[in-house]
Every structure is written in C-alpha cells, then in structure tokens.
Full PDB file with SEQRES, HELIX, SHEET, SSBOND, CRYST1, ORIGX, SCALE, CONECT and MASTER records, all heavy atoms in Angstrom:
SEQRES   1 A   38  TRP TYR SER VAL TYR THR PHE GLN CYS ARG ARG MET ALA          
SEQRES   2 A   38  ARG PHE VAL HIS GLY ARG ALA ILE PHE ALA GLY ASP SER          
SEQRES   3 A   38  ALA HIS LEU VAL SER PRO PHE GLY ALA ARG GLY CYS              
HELIX    1 AA1 GLY A   24  SER A   26  5                                   3    
SHEET    1 AA1 2 ARG A  10  ARG A  11  0                                        
SHEET    2 AA1 2 HIS A  28  LEU A  29 -1                                        
SHEET    1 AA2 2 VAL A  16  HIS A  17  0                                        
SHEET    2 AA2 2 ALA A  20  ILE A  21 -1                                        
CRYST1    1.000    1.000    1.000  90.00  90.00  90.00 P 1           1          
ORIGX1      1.000000  0.000000  0.000000        0.00000                         
ORIGX2      0.000000  1.000000  0.000000        0.00000                         
ORIGX3      0.000000  0.000000  1.000000        0.00000                         
SCALE1      1.000000  0.000000  0.000000        0.00000                         
SCALE2      0.000000  1.000000  0.000000        0.00000                         
SCALE3      0.000000  0.000000  1.000000        0.00000                         
ATOM      1  N   TRP A   1      22.321   4.347  -5.808  1.00  0.00           N  
ATOM      2  CA  TRP A   1      21.496   3.196  -5.454  1.00  0.00           C  
ATOM      3  C   TRP A   1      20.883   2.624  -6.725  1.00  0.00           C  
ATOM      4  O   TRP A   1      20.288   3.357  -7.509  1.00  0.00           O  
ATOM      5  CB  TRP A   1      20.383   3.623  -4.499  1.00  0.00           C  
ATOM      6  CG  TRP A   1      19.519   2.498  -4.012  1.00  0.00           C  
ATOM      7  CD1 TRP A   1      18.358   2.042  -4.570  1.00  0.00           C  
ATOM      8  CD2 TRP A   1      19.756   1.679  -2.867  1.00  0.00           C  
ATOM      9  NE1 TRP A   1      17.852   0.999  -3.849  1.00  0.00           N  
ATOM     10  CE2 TRP A   1      18.690   0.745  -2.789  1.00  0.00           C  
ATOM     11  CE3 TRP A   1      20.751   1.639  -1.893  1.00  0.00           C  
ATOM     12  CZ2 TRP A   1      18.595  -0.203  -1.779  1.00  0.00           C  
ATOM     13  CZ3 TRP A   1      20.654   0.681  -0.897  1.00  0.00           C  
ATOM     14  CH2 TRP A   1      19.594  -0.215  -0.840  1.00  0.00           C  
ATOM     15  N   TYR A   2      21.045   1.314  -6.940  1.00  0.00           N  
ATOM     16  CA  TYR A   2      20.412   0.629  -8.061  1.00  0.00           C  
ATOM     17  C   TYR A   2      19.509  -0.472  -7.501  1.00  0.00           C  
ATOM     18  O   TYR A   2      19.938  -1.246  -6.642  1.00  0.00           O  
ATOM     19  CB  TYR A   2      21.441  -0.021  -8.994  1.00  0.00           C  
ATOM     20  CG  TYR A   2      22.373   0.940  -9.716  1.00  0.00           C  
ATOM     21  CD1 TYR A   2      23.530   0.466 -10.339  1.00  0.00           C  
ATOM     22  CD2 TYR A   2      22.096   2.300  -9.805  1.00  0.00           C  
ATOM     23  CE1 TYR A   2      24.391   1.306 -11.012  1.00  0.00           C  
ATOM     24  CE2 TYR A   2      22.955   3.161 -10.476  1.00  0.00           C  
ATOM     25  CZ  TYR A   2      24.108   2.665 -11.071  1.00  0.00           C  
ATOM     26  OH  TYR A   2      24.960   3.506 -11.738  1.00  0.00           O  
ATOM     27  N   SER A   3      18.281  -0.560  -7.994  1.00  0.00           N  
ATOM     28  CA  SER A   3      17.376  -1.625  -7.549  1.00  0.00           C  
ATOM     29  C   SER A   3      16.339  -1.880  -8.632  1.00  0.00           C  
ATOM     30  O   SER A   3      16.040  -1.010  -9.458  1.00  0.00           O  
ATOM     31  CB  SER A   3      16.694  -1.258  -6.230  1.00  0.00           C  
ATOM     32  OG  SER A   3      15.912  -0.090  -6.377  1.00  0.00           O  
ATOM     33  N   VAL A   4      15.771  -3.093  -8.613  1.00  0.00           N  
ATOM     34  CA  VAL A   4      14.721  -3.488  -9.540  1.00  0.00           C  
ATOM     35  C   VAL A   4      13.456  -3.768  -8.744  1.00  0.00           C  
ATOM     36  O   VAL A   4      13.515  -4.371  -7.668  1.00  0.00           O  
ATOM     37  CB  VAL A   4      15.132  -4.742 -10.343  1.00  0.00           C  
ATOM     38  CG1 VAL A   4      13.960  -5.261 -11.175  1.00  0.00           C  
ATOM     39  CG2 VAL A   4      16.303  -4.414 -11.264  1.00  0.00           C  
ATOM     40  N   TYR A   5      12.322  -3.332  -9.256  1.00  0.00           N  
ATOM     41  CA  TYR A   5      11.074  -3.581  -8.547  1.00  0.00           C  
ATOM     42  C   TYR A   5       9.983  -4.020  -9.520  1.00  0.00           C  
ATOM     43  O   TYR A   5       9.999  -3.684 -10.703  1.00  0.00           O  
ATOM     44  CB  TYR A   5      10.617  -2.348  -7.761  1.00  0.00           C  
ATOM     45  CG  TYR A   5      10.253  -1.158  -8.631  1.00  0.00           C  
ATOM     46  CD1 TYR A   5       8.950  -0.971  -9.085  1.00  0.00           C  
ATOM     47  CD2 TYR A   5      11.215  -0.221  -8.983  1.00  0.00           C  
ATOM     48  CE1 TYR A   5       8.622   0.116  -9.873  1.00  0.00           C  
ATOM     49  CE2 TYR A   5      10.898   0.874  -9.780  1.00  0.00           C  
ATOM     50  CZ  TYR A   5       9.598   1.033 -10.221  1.00  0.00           C  
ATOM     51  OH  TYR A   5       9.265   2.095 -11.018  1.00  0.00           O  
ATOM     52  N   THR A   6       9.056  -4.798  -9.005  1.00  0.00           N  
ATOM     53  CA  THR A   6       7.797  -5.138  -9.656  1.00  0.00           C  
ATOM     54  C   THR A   6       6.692  -4.641  -8.742  1.00  0.00           C  
ATOM     55  O   THR A   6       6.753  -4.850  -7.538  1.00  0.00           O  
ATOM     56  CB  THR A   6       7.654  -6.656  -9.844  1.00  0.00           C  
ATOM     57  OG1 THR A   6       8.719  -7.118 -10.655  1.00  0.00           O  
ATOM     58  CG2 THR A   6       6.330  -7.001 -10.517  1.00  0.00           C  
ATOM     59  N   PHE A   7       5.706  -3.962  -9.290  1.00  0.00           N  
ATOM     60  CA  PHE A   7       4.754  -3.323  -8.389  1.00  0.00           C  
ATOM     61  C   PHE A   7       3.377  -3.962  -8.440  1.00  0.00           C  
ATOM     62  O   PHE A   7       3.064  -4.775  -9.304  1.00  0.00           O  
ATOM     63  CB  PHE A   7       4.652  -1.821  -8.660  1.00  0.00           C  
ATOM     64  CG  PHE A   7       4.467  -1.473 -10.109  1.00  0.00           C  
ATOM     65  CD1 PHE A   7       3.240  -1.544 -10.698  1.00  0.00           C  
ATOM     66  CD2 PHE A   7       5.557  -1.061 -10.867  1.00  0.00           C  
ATOM     67  CE1 PHE A   7       3.068  -1.215 -12.018  1.00  0.00           C  
ATOM     68  CE2 PHE A   7       5.394  -0.728 -12.197  1.00  0.00           C  
ATOM     69  CZ  PHE A   7       4.150  -0.802 -12.776  1.00  0.00           C  
ATOM     70  N   GLN A   8       2.574  -3.550  -7.463  1.00  0.00           N  
ATOM     71  CA  GLN A   8       1.257  -4.129  -7.253  1.00  0.00           C  
ATOM     72  C   GLN A   8       0.236  -3.012  -7.023  1.00  0.00           C  
ATOM     73  O   GLN A   8       0.591  -1.920  -6.597  1.00  0.00           O  
ATOM     74  CB  GLN A   8       1.267  -5.026  -6.016  1.00  0.00           C  
ATOM     75  CG  GLN A   8       2.395  -6.022  -5.946  1.00  0.00           C  
ATOM     76  CD  GLN A   8       2.513  -6.654  -4.577  1.00  0.00           C  
ATOM     77  OE1 GLN A   8       1.525  -6.844  -3.872  1.00  0.00           O  
ATOM     78  NE2 GLN A   8       3.729  -6.975  -4.181  1.00  0.00           N  
ATOM     79  N   CYS A   9      -1.007  -3.318  -7.295  1.00  0.00           N  
ATOM     80  CA  CYS A   9      -2.119  -2.451  -6.906  1.00  0.00           C  
ATOM     81  C   CYS A   9      -3.074  -3.328  -6.090  1.00  0.00           C  
ATOM     82  O   CYS A   9      -3.860  -4.116  -6.654  1.00  0.00           O  
ATOM     83  CB  CYS A   9      -2.822  -1.872  -8.133  1.00  0.00           C  
ATOM     84  SG  CYS A   9      -1.876  -0.587  -8.979  1.00  0.00           S  
ATOM     85  N   ARG A  10      -3.003  -3.207  -4.769  1.00  0.00           N  
ATOM     86  CA  ARG A  10      -3.744  -4.096  -3.879  1.00  0.00           C  
ATOM     87  C   ARG A  10      -4.226  -3.315  -2.662  1.00  0.00           C  
ATOM     88  O   ARG A  10      -3.658  -2.275  -2.319  1.00  0.00           O  
ATOM     89  CB  ARG A  10      -2.853  -5.250  -3.407  1.00  0.00           C  
ATOM     90  CG  ARG A  10      -2.153  -6.005  -4.506  1.00  0.00           C  
ATOM     91  CD  ARG A  10      -1.166  -7.019  -3.957  1.00  0.00           C  
ATOM     92  NE  ARG A  10      -1.836  -8.121  -3.281  1.00  0.00           N  
ATOM     93  CZ  ARG A  10      -1.189  -9.040  -2.563  1.00  0.00           C  
ATOM     94  NH1 ARG A  10       0.111  -8.973  -2.395  1.00  0.00           N  
ATOM     95  NH2 ARG A  10      -1.867 -10.013  -1.994  1.00  0.00           N  
ATOM     96  N   ARG A  11      -5.252  -3.842  -2.008  1.00  0.00           N  
ATOM     97  CA  ARG A  11      -5.676  -3.260  -0.740  1.00  0.00           C  
ATOM     98  C   ARG A  11      -6.403  -4.298   0.098  1.00  0.00           C  
ATOM     99  O   ARG A  11      -6.860  -5.339  -0.406  1.00  0.00           O  
ATOM    100  CB  ARG A  11      -6.560  -2.034  -0.945  1.00  0.00           C  
ATOM    101  CG  ARG A  11      -7.977  -2.316  -1.436  1.00  0.00           C  
ATOM    102  CD  ARG A  11      -8.847  -1.104  -1.202  1.00  0.00           C  
ATOM    103  NE  ARG A  11     -10.170  -1.177  -1.796  1.00  0.00           N  
ATOM    104  CZ  ARG A  11     -11.232  -1.745  -1.233  1.00  0.00           C  
ATOM    105  NH1 ARG A  11     -11.117  -2.343  -0.055  1.00  0.00           N  
ATOM    106  NH2 ARG A  11     -12.411  -1.727  -1.836  1.00  0.00           N  
ATOM    107  N   MET A  12      -6.520  -4.010   1.394  1.00  0.00           N  
ATOM    108  CA  MET A  12      -7.343  -4.812   2.279  1.00  0.00           C  
ATOM    109  C   MET A  12      -8.816  -4.550   1.978  1.00  0.00           C  
ATOM    110  O   MET A  12      -9.183  -3.481   1.478  1.00  0.00           O  
ATOM    111  CB  MET A  12      -7.052  -4.456   3.737  1.00  0.00           C  
ATOM    112  CG  MET A  12      -5.623  -4.693   4.170  1.00  0.00           C  
ATOM    113  SD  MET A  12      -5.328  -4.121   5.870  1.00  0.00           S  
ATOM    114  CE  MET A  12      -6.347  -5.272   6.809  1.00  0.00           C  
ATOM    115  N   ALA A  13      -9.658  -5.521   2.312  1.00  0.00           N  
ATOM    116  CA  ALA A  13     -11.095  -5.327   2.126  1.00  0.00           C  
ATOM    117  C   ALA A  13     -11.630  -4.270   3.084  1.00  0.00           C  
ATOM    118  O   ALA A  13     -12.531  -3.492   2.742  1.00  0.00           O  
ATOM    119  CB  ALA A  13     -11.839  -6.643   2.328  1.00  0.00           C  
ATOM    120  N   ARG A  14     -11.072  -4.211   4.300  1.00  0.00           N  
ATOM    121  CA  ARG A  14     -11.432  -3.209   5.294  1.00  0.00           C  
ATOM    122  C   ARG A  14     -10.161  -2.701   5.961  1.00  0.00           C  
ATOM    123  O   ARG A  14      -9.194  -3.447   6.092  1.00  0.00           O  
ATOM    124  CB  ARG A  14     -12.356  -3.800   6.370  1.00  0.00           C  
ATOM    125  CG  ARG A  14     -13.761  -4.103   5.924  1.00  0.00           C  
ATOM    126  CD  ARG A  14     -14.604  -4.623   7.096  1.00  0.00           C  
ATOM    127  NE  ARG A  14     -14.533  -3.721   8.254  1.00  0.00           N  
ATOM    128  CZ  ARG A  14     -15.256  -2.611   8.402  1.00  0.00           C  
ATOM    129  NH1 ARG A  14     -16.104  -2.259   7.462  1.00  0.00           N  
ATOM    130  NH2 ARG A  14     -15.133  -1.865   9.475  1.00  0.00           N  
ATOM    131  N   PHE A  15     -10.186  -1.439   6.413  1.00  0.00           N  
ATOM    132  CA  PHE A  15      -9.032  -0.861   7.096  1.00  0.00           C  
ATOM    133  C   PHE A  15      -9.225  -0.796   8.606  1.00  0.00           C  
ATOM    134  O   PHE A  15      -8.269  -0.556   9.341  1.00  0.00           O  
ATOM    135  CB  PHE A  15      -8.740   0.549   6.574  1.00  0.00           C  
ATOM    136  CG  PHE A  15      -8.363   0.616   5.119  1.00  0.00           C  
ATOM    137  CD1 PHE A  15      -8.194   1.846   4.504  1.00  0.00           C  
ATOM    138  CD2 PHE A  15      -8.174  -0.523   4.365  1.00  0.00           C  
ATOM    139  CE1 PHE A  15      -7.836   1.931   3.174  1.00  0.00           C  
ATOM    140  CE2 PHE A  15      -7.824  -0.461   3.025  1.00  0.00           C  
ATOM    141  CZ  PHE A  15      -7.663   0.776   2.430  1.00  0.00           C  
ATOM    142  N   VAL A  16     -10.460  -0.987   9.081  1.00  0.00           N  
ATOM    143  CA  VAL A  16     -10.750  -0.977  10.515  1.00  0.00           C  
ATOM    144  C   VAL A  16     -11.256  -2.360  10.905  1.00  0.00           C  
ATOM    145  O   VAL A  16     -12.253  -2.850  10.355  1.00  0.00           O  
ATOM    146  CB  VAL A  16     -11.803   0.092  10.878  1.00  0.00           C  
ATOM    147  CG1 VAL A  16     -12.139   0.015  12.359  1.00  0.00           C  
ATOM    148  CG2 VAL A  16     -11.300   1.497  10.517  1.00  0.00           C  
ATOM    149  N   HIS A  17     -10.539  -2.997  11.831  1.00  0.00           N  
ATOM    150  CA  HIS A  17     -10.913  -4.320  12.329  1.00  0.00           C  
ATOM    151  C   HIS A  17     -10.984  -4.246  13.850  1.00  0.00           C  
ATOM    152  O   HIS A  17     -10.013  -4.524  14.548  1.00  0.00           O  
ATOM    153  CB  HIS A  17      -9.898  -5.366  11.877  1.00  0.00           C  
ATOM    154  CG  HIS A  17      -9.934  -5.632  10.407  1.00  0.00           C  
ATOM    155  ND1 HIS A  17     -10.654  -6.657   9.851  1.00  0.00           N  
ATOM    156  CD2 HIS A  17      -9.361  -4.954   9.375  1.00  0.00           C  
ATOM    157  CE1 HIS A  17     -10.511  -6.630   8.531  1.00  0.00           C  
ATOM    158  NE2 HIS A  17      -9.733  -5.608   8.225  1.00  0.00           N  
ATOM    159  N   GLY A  18     -12.142  -3.809  14.340  1.00  0.00           N  
ATOM    160  CA  GLY A  18     -12.289  -3.634  15.779  1.00  0.00           C  
ATOM    161  C   GLY A  18     -11.314  -2.591  16.289  1.00  0.00           C  
ATOM    162  O   GLY A  18     -11.316  -1.444  15.843  1.00  0.00           O  
ATOM    163  N   ARG A  19     -10.445  -2.999  17.208  1.00  0.00           N  
ATOM    164  CA  ARG A  19      -9.489  -2.064  17.797  1.00  0.00           C  
ATOM    165  C   ARG A  19      -8.147  -2.018  17.038  1.00  0.00           C  
ATOM    166  O   ARG A  19      -7.209  -1.380  17.503  1.00  0.00           O  
ATOM    167  CB  ARG A  19      -9.251  -2.442  19.256  1.00  0.00           C  
ATOM    168  CG  ARG A  19     -10.476  -2.232  20.150  1.00  0.00           C  
ATOM    169  CD  ARG A  19     -10.918  -0.769  20.125  1.00  0.00           C  
ATOM    170  NE  ARG A  19     -12.029  -0.482  20.995  1.00  0.00           N  
ATOM    171  CZ  ARG A  19     -11.915   0.046  22.222  1.00  0.00           C  
ATOM    172  NH1 ARG A  19     -10.714   0.310  22.705  1.00  0.00           N  
ATOM    173  NH2 ARG A  19     -12.986   0.281  22.944  1.00  0.00           N  
ATOM    174  N   ALA A  20      -8.078  -2.695  15.899  1.00  0.00           N  
ATOM    175  CA  ALA A  20      -6.883  -2.626  15.054  1.00  0.00           C  
ATOM    176  C   ALA A  20      -7.227  -1.843  13.787  1.00  0.00           C  
ATOM    177  O   ALA A  20      -8.190  -2.168  13.088  1.00  0.00           O  
ATOM    178  CB  ALA A  20      -6.388  -4.020  14.701  1.00  0.00           C  
ATOM    179  N   ILE A  21      -6.431  -0.805  13.500  1.00  0.00           N  
ATOM    180  CA  ILE A  21      -6.678   0.080  12.368  1.00  0.00           C  
ATOM    181  C   ILE A  21      -5.440   0.066  11.476  1.00  0.00           C  
ATOM    182  O   ILE A  21      -4.304   0.070  11.963  1.00  0.00           O  
ATOM    183  CB  ILE A  21      -6.960   1.518  12.854  1.00  0.00           C  
ATOM    184  CG1 ILE A  21      -8.117   1.510  13.863  1.00  0.00           C  
ATOM    185  CG2 ILE A  21      -7.277   2.431  11.686  1.00  0.00           C  
ATOM    186  CD1 ILE A  21      -8.323   2.859  14.544  1.00  0.00           C  
ATOM    187  N   PHE A  22      -5.663   0.086  10.165  1.00  0.00           N  
ATOM    188  CA  PHE A  22      -4.565   0.004   9.214  1.00  0.00           C  
ATOM    189  C   PHE A  22      -4.481   1.290   8.388  1.00  0.00           C  
ATOM    190  O   PHE A  22      -5.499   1.861   8.004  1.00  0.00           O  
ATOM    191  CB  PHE A  22      -4.746  -1.202   8.296  1.00  0.00           C  
ATOM    192  CG  PHE A  22      -4.619  -2.513   9.025  1.00  0.00           C  
ATOM    193  CD1 PHE A  22      -5.686  -3.018   9.769  1.00  0.00           C  
ATOM    194  CD2 PHE A  22      -3.434  -3.223   8.990  1.00  0.00           C  
ATOM    195  CE1 PHE A  22      -5.565  -4.214  10.459  1.00  0.00           C  
ATOM    196  CE2 PHE A  22      -3.304  -4.418   9.683  1.00  0.00           C  
ATOM    197  CZ  PHE A  22      -4.366  -4.914  10.412  1.00  0.00           C  
ATOM    198  N   ALA A  23      -3.226   1.711   8.121  1.00  0.00           N  
ATOM    199  CA  ALA A  23      -2.994   2.922   7.335  1.00  0.00           C  
ATOM    200  C   ALA A  23      -1.724   2.757   6.511  1.00  0.00           C  
ATOM    201  O   ALA A  23      -0.809   2.026   6.881  1.00  0.00           O  
ATOM    202  CB  ALA A  23      -2.872   4.140   8.250  1.00  0.00           C  
ATOM    203  N   GLY A  24      -1.661   3.465   5.386  1.00  0.00           N  
ATOM    204  CA  GLY A  24      -0.467   3.419   4.537  1.00  0.00           C  
ATOM    205  C   GLY A  24      -0.318   2.089   3.829  1.00  0.00           C  
ATOM    206  O   GLY A  24      -1.304   1.409   3.518  1.00  0.00           O  
ATOM    207  N   ASP A  25       0.936   1.701   3.577  1.00  0.00           N  
ATOM    208  CA  ASP A  25       1.193   0.489   2.802  1.00  0.00           C  
ATOM    209  C   ASP A  25       0.713  -0.782   3.483  1.00  0.00           C  
ATOM    210  O   ASP A  25       0.563  -1.808   2.823  1.00  0.00           O  
ATOM    211  CB  ASP A  25       2.699   0.356   2.516  1.00  0.00           C  
ATOM    212  CG  ASP A  25       3.177   1.304   1.440  1.00  0.00           C  
ATOM    213  OD1 ASP A  25       2.335   1.978   0.823  1.00  0.00           O  
ATOM    214  OD2 ASP A  25       4.402   1.372   1.200  1.00  0.00           O  
ATOM    215  N   SER A  26       0.492  -0.754   4.778  1.00  0.00           N  
ATOM    216  CA  SER A  26      -0.067  -1.944   5.434  1.00  0.00           C  
ATOM    217  C   SER A  26      -1.499  -2.192   4.978  1.00  0.00           C  
ATOM    218  O   SER A  26      -1.993  -3.322   5.041  1.00  0.00           O  
ATOM    219  CB  SER A  26      -0.026  -1.796   6.956  1.00  0.00           C  
ATOM    220  OG  SER A  26      -0.959  -0.830   7.394  1.00  0.00           O  
ATOM    221  N   ALA A  27      -2.174  -1.128   4.487  1.00  0.00           N  
ATOM    222  CA  ALA A  27      -3.570  -1.230   4.064  1.00  0.00           C  
ATOM    223  C   ALA A  27      -3.743  -1.285   2.555  1.00  0.00           C  
ATOM    224  O   ALA A  27      -4.696  -1.875   2.055  1.00  0.00           O  
ATOM    225  CB  ALA A  27      -4.373  -0.047   4.615  1.00  0.00           C  
ATOM    226  N   HIS A  28      -2.808  -0.668   1.816  1.00  0.00           N  
ATOM    227  CA  HIS A  28      -2.977  -0.572   0.359  1.00  0.00           C  
ATOM    228  C   HIS A  28      -1.635  -0.341  -0.320  1.00  0.00           C  
ATOM    229  O   HIS A  28      -0.724   0.253   0.247  1.00  0.00           O  
ATOM    230  CB  HIS A  28      -3.937   0.568  -0.007  1.00  0.00           C  
ATOM    231  CG  HIS A  28      -3.644   1.852   0.711  1.00  0.00           C  
ATOM    232  ND1 HIS A  28      -2.598   2.691   0.379  1.00  0.00           N  
ATOM    233  CD2 HIS A  28      -4.256   2.445   1.769  1.00  0.00           C  
ATOM    234  CE1 HIS A  28      -2.590   3.740   1.190  1.00  0.00           C  
ATOM    235  NE2 HIS A  28      -3.578   3.604   2.059  1.00  0.00           N  
ATOM    236  N   LEU A  29      -1.528  -0.823  -1.558  1.00  0.00           N  
ATOM    237  CA  LEU A  29      -0.318  -0.656  -2.349  1.00  0.00           C  
ATOM    238  C   LEU A  29      -0.694  -0.176  -3.742  1.00  0.00           C  
ATOM    239  O   LEU A  29      -1.698  -0.603  -4.313  1.00  0.00           O  
ATOM    240  CB  LEU A  29       0.442  -1.985  -2.478  1.00  0.00           C  
ATOM    241  CG  LEU A  29       1.129  -2.520  -1.232  1.00  0.00           C  
ATOM    242  CD1 LEU A  29       1.682  -3.918  -1.509  1.00  0.00           C  
ATOM    243  CD2 LEU A  29       2.255  -1.596  -0.790  1.00  0.00           C  
ATOM    244  N   VAL A  30       0.143   0.700  -4.309  1.00  0.00           N  
ATOM    245  CA  VAL A  30      -0.044   1.164  -5.687  1.00  0.00           C  
ATOM    246  C   VAL A  30       1.310   1.187  -6.382  1.00  0.00           C  
ATOM    247  O   VAL A  30       2.360   1.093  -5.740  1.00  0.00           O  
ATOM    248  CB  VAL A  30      -0.675   2.576  -5.744  1.00  0.00           C  
ATOM    249  CG1 VAL A  30      -2.093   2.555  -5.223  1.00  0.00           C  
ATOM    250  CG2 VAL A  30       0.166   3.590  -4.960  1.00  0.00           C  
ATOM    251  N   SER A  31       1.292   1.324  -7.700  1.00  0.00           N  
ATOM    252  CA  SER A  31       2.547   1.480  -8.429  1.00  0.00           C  
ATOM    253  C   SER A  31       3.128   2.853  -8.116  1.00  0.00           C  
ATOM    254  O   SER A  31       2.405   3.768  -7.689  1.00  0.00           O  
ATOM    255  CB  SER A  31       2.302   1.351  -9.936  1.00  0.00           C  
ATOM    256  OG  SER A  31       1.798   2.567 -10.458  1.00  0.00           O  
ATOM    257  N   PRO A  32       4.441   3.050  -8.317  1.00  0.00           N  
ATOM    258  CA  PRO A  32       5.037   4.350  -7.990  1.00  0.00           C  
ATOM    259  C   PRO A  32       4.690   5.445  -8.987  1.00  0.00           C  
ATOM    260  O   PRO A  32       4.929   6.618  -8.707  1.00  0.00           O  
ATOM    261  CB  PRO A  32       6.550   4.051  -8.020  1.00  0.00           C  
ATOM    262  CG  PRO A  32       6.681   2.882  -8.928  1.00  0.00           C  
ATOM    263  CD  PRO A  32       5.443   2.059  -8.728  1.00  0.00           C  
ATOM    264  N   PHE A  33       4.126   5.100 -10.138  1.00  0.00           N  
ATOM    265  CA  PHE A  33       3.805   6.123 -11.124  1.00  0.00           C  
ATOM    266  C   PHE A  33       2.598   6.931 -10.673  1.00  0.00           C  
ATOM    267  O   PHE A  33       1.498   6.416 -10.527  1.00  0.00           O  
ATOM    268  CB  PHE A  33       3.567   5.476 -12.491  1.00  0.00           C  
ATOM    269  CG  PHE A  33       4.796   4.832 -13.048  1.00  0.00           C  
ATOM    270  CD1 PHE A  33       4.948   3.466 -13.044  1.00  0.00           C  
ATOM    271  CD2 PHE A  33       5.832   5.616 -13.532  1.00  0.00           C  
ATOM    272  CE1 PHE A  33       6.096   2.879 -13.543  1.00  0.00           C  
ATOM    273  CE2 PHE A  33       6.992   5.035 -14.023  1.00  0.00           C  
ATOM    274  CZ  PHE A  33       7.129   3.665 -14.031  1.00  0.00           C  
ATOM    275  N   GLY A  34       2.814   8.207 -10.446  1.00  0.00           N  
ATOM    276  CA  GLY A  34       1.781   9.081  -9.923  1.00  0.00           C  
ATOM    277  C   GLY A  34       2.022   9.485  -8.490  1.00  0.00           C  
ATOM    278  O   GLY A  34       1.296  10.299  -7.934  1.00  0.00           O  
ATOM    279  N   ALA A  35       3.053   8.908  -7.860  1.00  0.00           N  
ATOM    280  CA  ALA A  35       3.440   9.285  -6.490  1.00  0.00           C  
ATOM    281  C   ALA A  35       2.268   9.167  -5.532  1.00  0.00           C  
ATOM    282  O   ALA A  35       2.009  10.051  -4.726  1.00  0.00           O  
ATOM    283  CB  ALA A  35       4.022  10.711  -6.480  1.00  0.00           C  
ATOM    284  N   ARG A  36       1.562   8.043  -5.575  1.00  0.00           N  
ATOM    285  CA  ARG A  36       0.361   7.870  -4.771  1.00  0.00           C  
ATOM    286  C   ARG A  36       0.581   6.997  -3.546  1.00  0.00           C  
ATOM    287  O   ARG A  36      -0.348   6.793  -2.770  1.00  0.00           O  
ATOM    288  CB  ARG A  36      -0.763   7.300  -5.645  1.00  0.00           C  
ATOM    289  CG  ARG A  36      -1.201   8.262  -6.718  1.00  0.00           C  
ATOM    290  CD  ARG A  36      -2.203   7.653  -7.695  1.00  0.00           C  
ATOM    291  NE  ARG A  36      -2.597   8.638  -8.695  1.00  0.00           N  
ATOM    292  CZ  ARG A  36      -3.604   9.500  -8.543  1.00  0.00           C  
ATOM    293  NH1 ARG A  36      -4.321   9.489  -7.435  1.00  0.00           N  
ATOM    294  NH2 ARG A  36      -3.894  10.367  -9.481  1.00  0.00           N  
ATOM    295  N   GLY A  37       1.774   6.452  -3.363  1.00  0.00           N  
ATOM    296  CA  GLY A  37       2.028   5.557  -2.247  1.00  0.00           C  
ATOM    297  C   GLY A  37       2.103   6.278  -0.918  1.00  0.00           C  
ATOM    298  O   GLY A  37       1.168   6.243  -0.110  1.00  0.00           O  
ATOM    299  N   CYS A  38       3.211   6.961  -0.660  1.00  0.00           N  
ATOM    300  CA  CYS A  38       3.367   7.675   0.604  1.00  0.00           C  
ATOM    301  C   CYS A  38       2.364   8.816   0.728  1.00  0.00           C  
ATOM    302  O   CYS A  38       1.856   9.082   1.819  1.00  0.00           O  
ATOM    303  CB  CYS A  38       4.798   8.199   0.731  1.00  0.00           C  
ATOM    304  SG  CYS A  38       5.208   8.767   2.394  1.00  0.00           S  
TER     305      CYS A  38                                                      
MASTER        0    0    0    1    4    0    0    6  304    1    0    3          
END                                                                             
C-alpha cells in the first residue's frame, strides 16, 4: 500500500452536546507520530 498524507492537530470545543456525544477522530485529530490517534 502506498499513500500520501498531510496531518492535522484539531479538536471540537466540546465533546458532549446534549444527547450527542463524540469520541475518537470525530472529536479530535492528531499527527500519526506518537501513535496517539486510535
């Protein structure tokens, strides 16, 4: 498998919005260096 990526370090301001809750990449993103994503 060959692929090219550009990465981001981002997150939502809040992860709980009433009855909707966010977890994982839907809530936050990091670069792959450090294995902090999954």
